[in-house]
C-alpha atoms as a PDB file:
ATOM      1  CA  MET A   1     -76.186  37.659 -72.183  1.00  0.00           C
ATOM      2  CA  LYS A   2     -77.775  34.163 -72.671  1.00  0.00           C
ATOM      3  CA  ARG A   3     -73.840  33.850 -72.556  1.00  0.00           C
ATOM      4  CA  LEU A   4     -73.951  34.772 -69.392  1.00  0.00           C
ATOM      5  CA  CYS A   5     -76.849  33.818 -68.129  1.00  0.00           C
ATOM      6  CA  LEU A   6     -75.680  29.481 -69.133  1.00  0.00           C
ATOM      7  CA  VAL A   7     -72.291  30.185 -67.382  1.00  0.00           C
ATOM      8  CA  LEU A   8     -73.572  30.947 -63.997  1.00  0.00           C
ATOM      9  CA  VAL A   9     -76.068  28.269 -63.800  1.00  0.00           C
ATOM     10  CA  LEU A  10     -73.686  26.146 -64.969  1.00  0.00           C
ATOM     11  CA  SER A  11     -71.205  27.082 -62.022  1.00  0.00           C
ATOM     12  CA  LEU A  12     -73.834  26.914 -59.984  1.00  0.00           C
ATOM     13  CA  PHE A  13     -74.377  23.125 -60.218  1.00  0.00           C
ATOM     14  CA  ALA A  14     -70.781  22.396 -59.896  1.00  0.00           C
ATOM     15  CA  VAL A  15     -70.503  24.039 -57.042  1.00  0.00           C
ATOM     16  CA  GLY A  16     -73.395  22.645 -55.462  1.00  0.00           C
ATOM     17  CA  PRO A  17     -72.525  18.899 -54.474  1.00  0.00           C
ATOM     18  CA  GLY A  18     -69.744  20.895 -51.966  1.00  0.00           C
ATOM     19  CA  VAL A  19     -71.674  22.650 -50.371  1.00  0.00           C
ATOM     20  CA  ALA A  20     -73.177  20.855 -48.155  1.00  0.00           C
ATOM     21  CA  GLN A  21     -70.345  19.212 -46.859  1.00  0.00           C
ATOM     22  CA  ASP A  22     -67.853  22.488 -46.761  1.00  0.00           C
ATOM     23  CA  GLY A  23     -70.573  23.634 -44.484  1.00  0.00           C
ATOM     24  CA  ALA A  24     -70.684  21.277 -41.825  1.00  0.00           C
ATOM     25  CA  ALA A  25     -67.053  21.278 -42.147  1.00  0.00           C
ATOM     26  CA  CYS A  26     -67.190  24.994 -41.209  1.00  0.00           C
ATOM     27  CA  ALA A  27     -69.775  24.614 -38.476  1.00  0.00           C
ATOM     28  CA  ALA A  28     -67.872  22.142 -37.094  1.00  0.00           C
ATOM     29  CA  LYS A  29     -64.648  24.541 -36.707  1.00  0.00           C
ATOM     30  CA  ALA A  30     -67.130  26.739 -34.966  1.00  0.00           C
ATOM     31  CA  VAL A  31     -65.666  26.572 -31.669  1.00  0.00           C
ATOM     32  CA  SER A  32     -63.511  28.693 -29.555  1.00  0.00           C
ATOM     33  CA  LYS A  33     -60.106  27.985 -27.842  1.00  0.00           C
ATOM     34  CA  ASP A  34     -61.229  26.357 -24.659  1.00  0.00           C
ATOM     35  CA  GLY A  35     -63.210  23.671 -27.391  1.00  0.00           C
ATOM     36  CA  LYS A  36     -66.979  25.346 -26.294  1.00  0.00           C
ATOM     37  CA  ALA A  37     -68.876  25.960 -29.145  1.00  0.00           C
ATOM     38  CA  LEU A  38     -69.442  29.669 -30.432  1.00  0.00           C
ATOM     39  CA  ALA A  39     -72.409  31.093 -30.615  1.00  0.00           C
ATOM     40  CA  GLY A  40     -74.428  34.273 -31.972  1.00  0.00           C
ATOM     41  CA  ALA A  41     -71.680  37.230 -33.622  1.00  0.00           C
ATOM     42  CA  ALA A  42     -68.958  34.627 -33.208  1.00  0.00           C
ATOM     43  CA  LYS A  43     -70.493  32.215 -35.058  1.00  0.00           C
ATOM     44  CA  ALA A  44     -71.962  33.903 -38.170  1.00  0.00           C
ATOM     45  CA  SER A  45     -68.290  35.574 -38.408  1.00  0.00           C
ATOM     46  CA  SER A  46     -66.438  31.978 -37.783  1.00  0.00           C
ATOM     47  CA  MET A  47     -68.625  30.809 -40.573  1.00  0.00           C
ATOM     48  CA  LYS A  48     -68.106  33.665 -43.329  1.00  0.00           C
ATOM     49  CA  LYS A  49     -64.336  33.131 -42.444  1.00  0.00           C
ATOM     50  CA  CYS A  50     -64.873  29.539 -43.501  1.00  0.00           C
ATOM     51  CA  CYS A  51     -66.730  29.357 -46.350  1.00  0.00           C
ATOM     52  CA  GLU A  52     -65.124  32.627 -48.217  1.00  0.00           C
ATOM     53  CA  ALA A  53     -61.762  30.451 -47.748  1.00  0.00           C
ATOM     54  CA  SER A  54     -63.681  27.182 -49.335  1.00  0.00           C
ATOM     55  CA  ALA A  55     -65.340  29.596 -52.211  1.00  0.00           C
ATOM     56  CA  VAL A  56     -63.439  28.262 -54.519  1.00  0.00           C
ATOM     57  CA  GLY A  57     -64.879  26.470 -58.053  1.00  0.00           C
ATOM     58  CA  LYS A  58     -63.607  23.038 -60.095  1.00  0.00           C
ATOM     59  CA  ASP A  59     -60.436  24.650 -61.765  1.00  0.00           C
ATOM     60  CA  GLY A  60     -58.780  26.043 -58.266  1.00  0.00           C
ATOM     61  CA  LYS A  61     -59.726  29.451 -59.048  1.00  0.00           C
ATOM     62  CA  LYS A  62     -61.444  31.607 -56.155  1.00  0.00           C
ATOM     63  CA  LEU A  63     -65.210  32.506 -57.288  1.00  0.00           C
ATOM     64  CA  ALA A  64     -66.671  35.725 -57.909  1.00  0.00           C
ATOM     65  CA  GLY A  65     -70.016  37.625 -58.518  1.00  0.00           C
ATOM     66  CA  ALA A  66     -72.820  35.587 -58.423  1.00  0.00           C
ATOM     67  CA  ALA A  67     -71.762  32.082 -58.092  1.00  0.00           C
ATOM     68  CA  LYS A  68     -69.744  33.300 -55.012  1.00  0.00           C
ATOM     69  CA  ALA A  69     -72.893  35.204 -53.579  1.00  0.00           C
ATOM     70  CA  SER A  70     -74.624  31.169 -53.702  1.00  0.00           C
ATOM     71  CA  PHE A  71     -72.643  29.701 -53.067  1.00  0.00           C
ATOM     72  CA  MET A  72     -71.830  31.633 -49.373  1.00  0.00           C
ATOM     73  CA  LYS A  73     -75.364  31.869 -48.626  1.00  0.00           C
ATOM     74  CA  LYS A  74     -75.532  27.473 -48.622  1.00  0.00           C
ATOM     75  CA  CYS A  75     -72.665  27.513 -47.105  1.00  0.00           C
ATOM     76  CA  GLU A  76     -73.527  29.494 -44.037  1.00  0.00           C
ATOM     77  CA  ALA A  77     -76.954  28.186 -44.295  1.00  0.00           C
ATOM     78  CA  GLY A  78     -75.345  24.535 -43.608  1.00  0.00           C
ATOM     79  CA  SER A  79     -74.929  25.372 -40.268  1.00  0.00           C
END
């Protein structure tokens, strides 16, 4: 159990610095076809898709479990 907690904490530190940058990039991509910024549910859906696509660890593998949940929360809040 201690090992699992240690791995989760270390993975969060590894992911942390890139989160702010990814959140801002995802917010910038949340525009409609005519170039206007999305709002409401459309923006939330766009942000979720973008953040899920960028939820990748240092080793190039997709994040899972608590690490992914933490990354998604921080990424979506970075708007």
